[in-house]
N, C-alpha and C. Protein backbone atom coordinates (compact mmCIF):
# COMPACT_ATOMS: atom_id res chain seq x y z
N UNK A 1 104.18 74.81 115.65
CA UNK A 1 104.76 75.74 114.68
C UNK A 1 105.20 77.01 115.41
N UNK A 2 106.43 77.41 115.14
CA UNK A 2 106.92 78.66 115.71
C UNK A 2 107.63 79.48 114.63
N UNK A 3 107.39 80.79 114.67
CA UNK A 3 108.07 81.72 113.79
C UNK A 3 108.81 82.72 114.67
N UNK A 4 110.11 82.83 114.45
CA UNK A 4 110.94 83.72 115.27
C UNK A 4 111.52 84.81 114.38
N UNK A 5 111.03 86.03 114.58
CA UNK A 5 111.51 87.17 113.80
C UNK A 5 112.66 87.86 114.51
N UNK A 6 113.58 88.38 113.71
CA UNK A 6 114.73 89.10 114.27
C UNK A 6 115.23 90.11 113.26
N UNK A 7 116.14 90.97 113.71
CA UNK A 7 116.77 91.91 112.80
C UNK A 7 116.30 93.35 112.92
N UNK A 8 115.31 93.59 113.73
CA UNK A 8 114.83 94.95 113.88
C UNK A 8 115.85 95.82 114.60
N UNK A 9 115.60 97.12 114.58
CA UNK A 9 116.50 98.05 115.24
C UNK A 9 116.18 99.47 114.83
N UNK A 10 117.09 100.36 115.16
CA UNK A 10 116.94 101.77 114.81
C UNK A 10 117.93 102.13 113.72
N UNK A 11 117.43 102.81 112.71
CA UNK A 11 118.25 103.19 111.58
C UNK A 11 117.85 104.58 111.13
N UNK A 12 118.78 105.28 110.53
CA UNK A 12 118.48 106.62 110.04
C UNK A 12 117.77 106.55 108.69
N UNK A 13 117.12 107.63 108.35
CA UNK A 13 116.45 107.72 107.06
C UNK A 13 117.45 107.42 105.94
N UNK A 14 117.01 106.59 105.00
CA UNK A 14 117.86 106.19 103.90
C UNK A 14 118.70 104.96 104.17
N UNK A 15 118.68 104.50 105.40
CA UNK A 15 119.46 103.33 105.77
C UNK A 15 118.78 102.02 105.39
N UNK A 16 119.42 100.92 105.79
CA UNK A 16 118.92 99.59 105.45
C UNK A 16 118.90 98.69 106.68
N UNK A 17 117.99 97.75 106.63
CA UNK A 17 117.91 96.69 107.64
C UNK A 17 117.48 95.42 106.94
N UNK A 18 117.86 94.31 107.55
CA UNK A 18 117.43 93.02 107.03
C UNK A 18 116.77 92.24 108.15
N UNK A 19 115.50 91.93 107.95
CA UNK A 19 114.75 91.14 108.91
C UNK A 19 114.78 89.68 108.49
N UNK A 20 114.78 88.81 109.48
CA UNK A 20 114.71 87.37 109.21
C UNK A 20 113.63 86.73 110.06
N UNK A 21 113.07 85.69 109.53
CA UNK A 21 112.04 84.93 110.25
C UNK A 21 112.38 83.46 110.10
N UNK A 22 112.70 82.84 111.22
CA UNK A 22 113.06 81.42 111.22
C UNK A 22 111.86 80.59 111.64
N UNK A 23 111.57 79.56 110.88
CA UNK A 23 110.42 78.71 111.17
C UNK A 23 110.88 77.38 111.76
N UNK A 24 110.11 76.89 112.69
CA UNK A 24 110.33 75.55 113.23
C UNK A 24 108.99 74.84 113.29
N UNK A 25 109.02 73.55 113.04
CA UNK A 25 107.80 72.77 113.07
C UNK A 25 107.01 72.78 111.78
N UNK A 26 107.55 73.47 110.78
CA UNK A 26 106.87 73.55 109.50
C UNK A 26 107.90 73.91 108.43
N UNK A 27 107.64 73.52 107.19
CA UNK A 27 108.56 73.80 106.10
C UNK A 27 108.06 75.01 105.32
N UNK A 28 108.87 76.07 105.32
CA UNK A 28 108.44 77.31 104.68
C UNK A 28 108.18 77.12 103.19
N UNK A 29 109.02 76.33 102.53
CA UNK A 29 108.92 76.21 101.08
C UNK A 29 107.60 75.59 100.63
N UNK A 30 106.88 74.97 101.51
CA UNK A 30 105.60 74.35 101.16
C UNK A 30 104.41 75.27 101.43
N UNK A 31 104.72 76.50 101.82
CA UNK A 31 103.65 77.42 102.21
C UNK A 31 103.93 78.84 101.72
N UNK A 32 102.89 79.64 101.77
CA UNK A 32 103.03 81.05 101.44
C UNK A 32 103.47 81.80 102.70
N UNK A 33 104.49 82.64 102.57
CA UNK A 33 104.99 83.38 103.72
C UNK A 33 104.97 84.88 103.40
N UNK A 34 104.80 85.67 104.42
CA UNK A 34 104.65 87.10 104.20
C UNK A 34 105.16 87.89 105.39
N UNK A 35 105.33 89.19 105.14
CA UNK A 35 105.63 90.15 106.19
C UNK A 35 104.49 91.16 106.26
N UNK A 36 104.10 91.47 107.45
CA UNK A 36 103.14 92.52 107.73
C UNK A 36 103.78 93.50 108.72
N UNK A 37 103.16 94.64 108.88
CA UNK A 37 103.67 95.59 109.88
C UNK A 37 102.53 96.36 110.51
N UNK A 38 102.78 96.83 111.71
CA UNK A 38 101.82 97.69 112.40
C UNK A 38 102.54 98.90 112.93
N UNK A 39 102.20 100.03 112.36
CA UNK A 39 102.78 101.30 112.81
C UNK A 39 102.02 101.81 114.03
N UNK A 40 102.64 102.65 114.83
CA UNK A 40 101.96 103.18 116.03
C UNK A 40 100.63 103.83 115.68
N UNK A 41 99.58 103.38 116.32
CA UNK A 41 98.26 103.96 116.12
C UNK A 41 97.56 103.56 114.84
N UNK A 42 98.11 102.60 114.13
CA UNK A 42 97.52 102.19 112.86
C UNK A 42 97.19 100.71 112.85
N UNK A 43 96.42 100.31 111.86
CA UNK A 43 96.09 98.91 111.69
C UNK A 43 97.28 98.16 111.08
N UNK A 44 97.30 96.88 111.29
CA UNK A 44 98.32 96.05 110.66
C UNK A 44 98.12 96.07 109.15
N UNK A 45 99.22 96.14 108.42
CA UNK A 45 99.11 96.19 106.97
C UNK A 45 100.08 95.22 106.33
N UNK A 46 99.72 94.81 105.15
CA UNK A 46 100.53 93.89 104.35
C UNK A 46 101.76 94.60 103.82
N UNK A 47 102.90 93.89 103.81
CA UNK A 47 104.14 94.45 103.28
C UNK A 47 104.60 93.67 102.05
N UNK A 48 104.79 92.36 102.21
CA UNK A 48 105.32 91.57 101.09
C UNK A 48 104.97 90.10 101.30
N UNK A 49 104.86 89.39 100.19
CA UNK A 49 104.55 87.96 100.24
C UNK A 49 105.44 87.18 99.28
N UNK A 50 105.87 86.01 99.72
CA UNK A 50 106.59 85.06 98.87
C UNK A 50 105.67 83.86 98.72
N UNK A 51 105.21 83.63 97.52
CA UNK A 51 104.23 82.57 97.30
C UNK A 51 104.89 81.20 97.35
N UNK A 52 104.04 80.21 97.57
CA UNK A 52 104.53 78.86 97.81
C UNK A 52 105.38 78.33 96.67
N UNK A 53 104.94 78.53 95.46
CA UNK A 53 105.65 77.95 94.33
C UNK A 53 105.95 79.00 93.28
N UNK A 54 106.93 78.72 92.49
CA UNK A 54 107.26 79.59 91.37
C UNK A 54 108.11 80.78 91.73
N UNK A 55 108.38 80.98 93.00
CA UNK A 55 109.20 82.12 93.38
C UNK A 55 108.52 83.45 93.18
N UNK A 56 107.20 83.46 93.03
CA UNK A 56 106.49 84.72 92.83
C UNK A 56 106.41 85.52 94.11
N UNK A 57 106.48 86.83 93.96
CA UNK A 57 106.41 87.72 95.09
C UNK A 57 105.39 88.83 94.85
N UNK A 58 104.97 89.44 95.92
CA UNK A 58 104.00 90.53 95.85
C UNK A 58 104.38 91.56 96.90
N UNK A 59 104.28 92.84 96.55
CA UNK A 59 104.67 93.90 97.47
C UNK A 59 103.58 94.95 97.58
N UNK A 60 103.50 95.54 98.73
CA UNK A 60 102.65 96.72 98.88
C UNK A 60 103.26 97.86 98.08
N UNK A 61 102.42 98.71 97.55
CA UNK A 61 102.92 99.83 96.74
C UNK A 61 103.90 100.69 97.53
N UNK A 62 103.67 100.82 98.81
CA UNK A 62 104.49 101.71 99.62
C UNK A 62 105.93 101.24 99.78
N UNK A 63 106.19 99.95 99.51
CA UNK A 63 107.56 99.43 99.70
C UNK A 63 108.16 98.92 98.40
N UNK A 64 107.37 98.91 97.34
CA UNK A 64 107.85 98.37 96.07
C UNK A 64 109.08 99.13 95.60
N UNK A 65 110.09 98.37 95.21
CA UNK A 65 111.34 98.98 94.75
C UNK A 65 112.34 99.23 95.86
N UNK A 66 111.90 99.14 97.11
CA UNK A 66 112.80 99.37 98.25
C UNK A 66 113.01 98.11 99.09
N UNK A 67 111.97 97.29 99.17
CA UNK A 67 112.03 96.07 99.98
C UNK A 67 112.09 94.85 99.07
N UNK A 68 112.79 93.82 99.55
CA UNK A 68 112.86 92.55 98.82
C UNK A 68 112.65 91.40 99.79
N UNK A 69 111.68 90.56 99.48
CA UNK A 69 111.43 89.37 100.29
C UNK A 69 112.12 88.19 99.62
N UNK A 70 112.72 87.34 100.45
CA UNK A 70 113.40 86.17 99.91
C UNK A 70 113.23 85.01 100.88
N UNK A 71 113.47 83.83 100.35
CA UNK A 71 113.31 82.62 101.16
C UNK A 71 114.54 81.76 101.01
N UNK A 72 115.04 81.23 102.11
CA UNK A 72 116.18 80.31 102.11
C UNK A 72 115.67 78.94 102.55
N UNK A 73 115.52 78.05 101.60
CA UNK A 73 114.94 76.75 101.91
C UNK A 73 115.86 75.90 102.78
N UNK A 74 117.17 76.08 102.63
CA UNK A 74 118.10 75.27 103.42
C UNK A 74 118.08 75.67 104.90
N UNK A 75 117.81 76.95 105.16
CA UNK A 75 117.76 77.43 106.54
C UNK A 75 116.33 77.52 107.07
N UNK A 76 115.36 77.31 106.17
CA UNK A 76 113.94 77.41 106.55
C UNK A 76 113.63 78.80 107.12
N UNK A 77 114.12 79.81 106.41
CA UNK A 77 113.90 81.18 106.85
C UNK A 77 113.35 82.02 105.69
N UNK A 78 112.70 83.10 106.04
CA UNK A 78 112.28 84.11 105.08
C UNK A 78 112.82 85.44 105.56
N UNK A 79 113.32 86.22 104.63
CA UNK A 79 113.95 87.49 104.99
C UNK A 79 113.28 88.65 104.28
N UNK A 80 113.48 89.82 104.84
CA UNK A 80 112.99 91.04 104.22
C UNK A 80 114.13 92.05 104.24
N UNK A 81 114.68 92.30 103.07
CA UNK A 81 115.73 93.31 102.93
C UNK A 81 115.05 94.65 102.70
N UNK A 82 115.33 95.60 103.58
CA UNK A 82 114.67 96.90 103.51
C UNK A 82 115.73 97.97 103.25
N UNK A 83 115.61 98.63 102.13
CA UNK A 83 116.55 99.68 101.75
C UNK A 83 115.84 101.02 101.66
N UNK A 84 116.62 102.07 101.69
CA UNK A 84 116.08 103.42 101.58
C UNK A 84 114.91 103.63 102.53
N UNK A 85 115.14 103.31 103.77
CA UNK A 85 114.06 103.37 104.75
C UNK A 85 113.60 104.79 105.01
N UNK A 86 112.31 104.92 105.27
CA UNK A 86 111.67 106.20 105.50
C UNK A 86 111.05 106.21 106.89
N UNK A 87 110.80 107.38 107.46
CA UNK A 87 110.17 107.43 108.78
C UNK A 87 108.85 106.67 108.83
N UNK A 88 108.10 106.68 107.73
CA UNK A 88 106.81 105.98 107.71
C UNK A 88 106.96 104.46 107.70
N UNK A 89 108.18 103.96 107.59
CA UNK A 89 108.41 102.52 107.70
C UNK A 89 108.53 102.07 109.16
N UNK A 90 108.55 103.01 110.07
CA UNK A 90 108.62 102.68 111.49
C UNK A 90 107.40 101.86 111.89
N UNK A 91 107.65 100.68 112.45
CA UNK A 91 106.55 99.78 112.79
C UNK A 91 107.12 98.53 113.44
N UNK A 92 106.22 97.75 113.99
CA UNK A 92 106.57 96.38 114.39
C UNK A 92 106.26 95.49 113.19
N UNK A 93 107.26 94.72 112.80
CA UNK A 93 107.13 93.86 111.63
C UNK A 93 106.91 92.41 112.08
N UNK A 94 105.94 91.77 111.43
CA UNK A 94 105.57 90.41 111.77
C UNK A 94 105.71 89.52 110.54
N UNK A 95 106.23 88.32 110.75
CA UNK A 95 106.19 87.35 109.67
C UNK A 95 104.95 86.49 109.84
N UNK A 96 104.44 86.02 108.72
CA UNK A 96 103.20 85.25 108.71
C UNK A 96 103.34 84.09 107.75
N UNK A 97 102.79 82.98 108.12
CA UNK A 97 102.80 81.80 107.27
C UNK A 97 101.38 81.28 107.15
N UNK A 98 100.98 81.00 105.94
CA UNK A 98 99.66 80.40 105.69
C UNK A 98 99.86 78.97 105.22
N UNK A 99 99.19 78.09 105.91
CA UNK A 99 99.24 76.67 105.56
C UNK A 99 97.82 76.15 105.52
N UNK A 100 97.28 76.02 104.32
CA UNK A 100 95.89 75.64 104.21
C UNK A 100 95.00 76.68 104.85
N UNK A 101 94.18 76.25 105.79
CA UNK A 101 93.29 77.18 106.50
C UNK A 101 93.95 77.80 107.73
N UNK A 102 95.17 77.38 108.03
CA UNK A 102 95.85 77.86 109.22
C UNK A 102 96.74 79.05 108.91
N UNK A 103 96.89 79.91 109.89
CA UNK A 103 97.74 81.09 109.76
C UNK A 103 98.57 81.21 111.03
N UNK A 104 99.87 81.41 110.87
CA UNK A 104 100.77 81.49 112.00
C UNK A 104 101.51 82.83 111.97
N UNK A 105 101.74 83.37 113.17
CA UNK A 105 102.39 84.68 113.28
C UNK A 105 103.62 84.59 114.17
N UNK A 106 104.67 85.34 113.78
CA UNK A 106 105.81 85.50 114.65
C UNK A 106 105.52 86.57 115.69
N UNK A 107 106.48 86.80 116.58
CA UNK A 107 106.24 87.70 117.71
C UNK A 107 106.45 89.16 117.36
N UNK A 108 107.01 89.45 116.21
CA UNK A 108 107.22 90.84 115.82
C UNK A 108 108.60 91.34 116.18
N UNK A 109 109.12 92.22 115.35
CA UNK A 109 110.40 92.87 115.61
C UNK A 109 110.26 94.34 115.25
N UNK A 110 110.73 95.22 116.11
CA UNK A 110 110.52 96.65 115.97
C UNK A 110 111.57 97.29 115.07
N UNK A 111 111.08 98.05 114.11
CA UNK A 111 111.94 98.83 113.23
C UNK A 111 111.61 100.31 113.46
N UNK A 112 112.64 101.08 113.78
CA UNK A 112 112.47 102.51 113.99
C UNK A 112 113.38 103.26 113.04
N UNK A 113 112.78 104.13 112.24
CA UNK A 113 113.55 104.93 111.29
C UNK A 113 113.56 106.36 111.79
N UNK A 114 114.74 106.84 112.10
CA UNK A 114 114.85 108.19 112.68
C UNK A 114 115.31 109.18 111.62
N UNK A 115 114.77 110.39 111.74
CA UNK A 115 115.14 111.44 110.77
C UNK A 115 116.18 112.38 111.35
């Protein structure tokens, strides 16, 4: 199983970025997928989750209304659309997949929001 995250970069406050996570060796639609992030000097924190069935999603309060997680079953990818970015969104973003008792992580992609 491999998860390849991409789309990070530097953006100004109020800007937007779209992160993508491509999965190989596993079918995303059969599992719960999520984005986490780790800001400099802080612990990794939950950002958003797309549940396995029903299209249900869950967001951290800090990103609710600004970020949208989506899944493309034909491309086997999960994306995170990030709008109205703030300096506190600066972090390395990781995609995560849970399959039963197993958990898989992508390599991370850096998002920097400059003021």
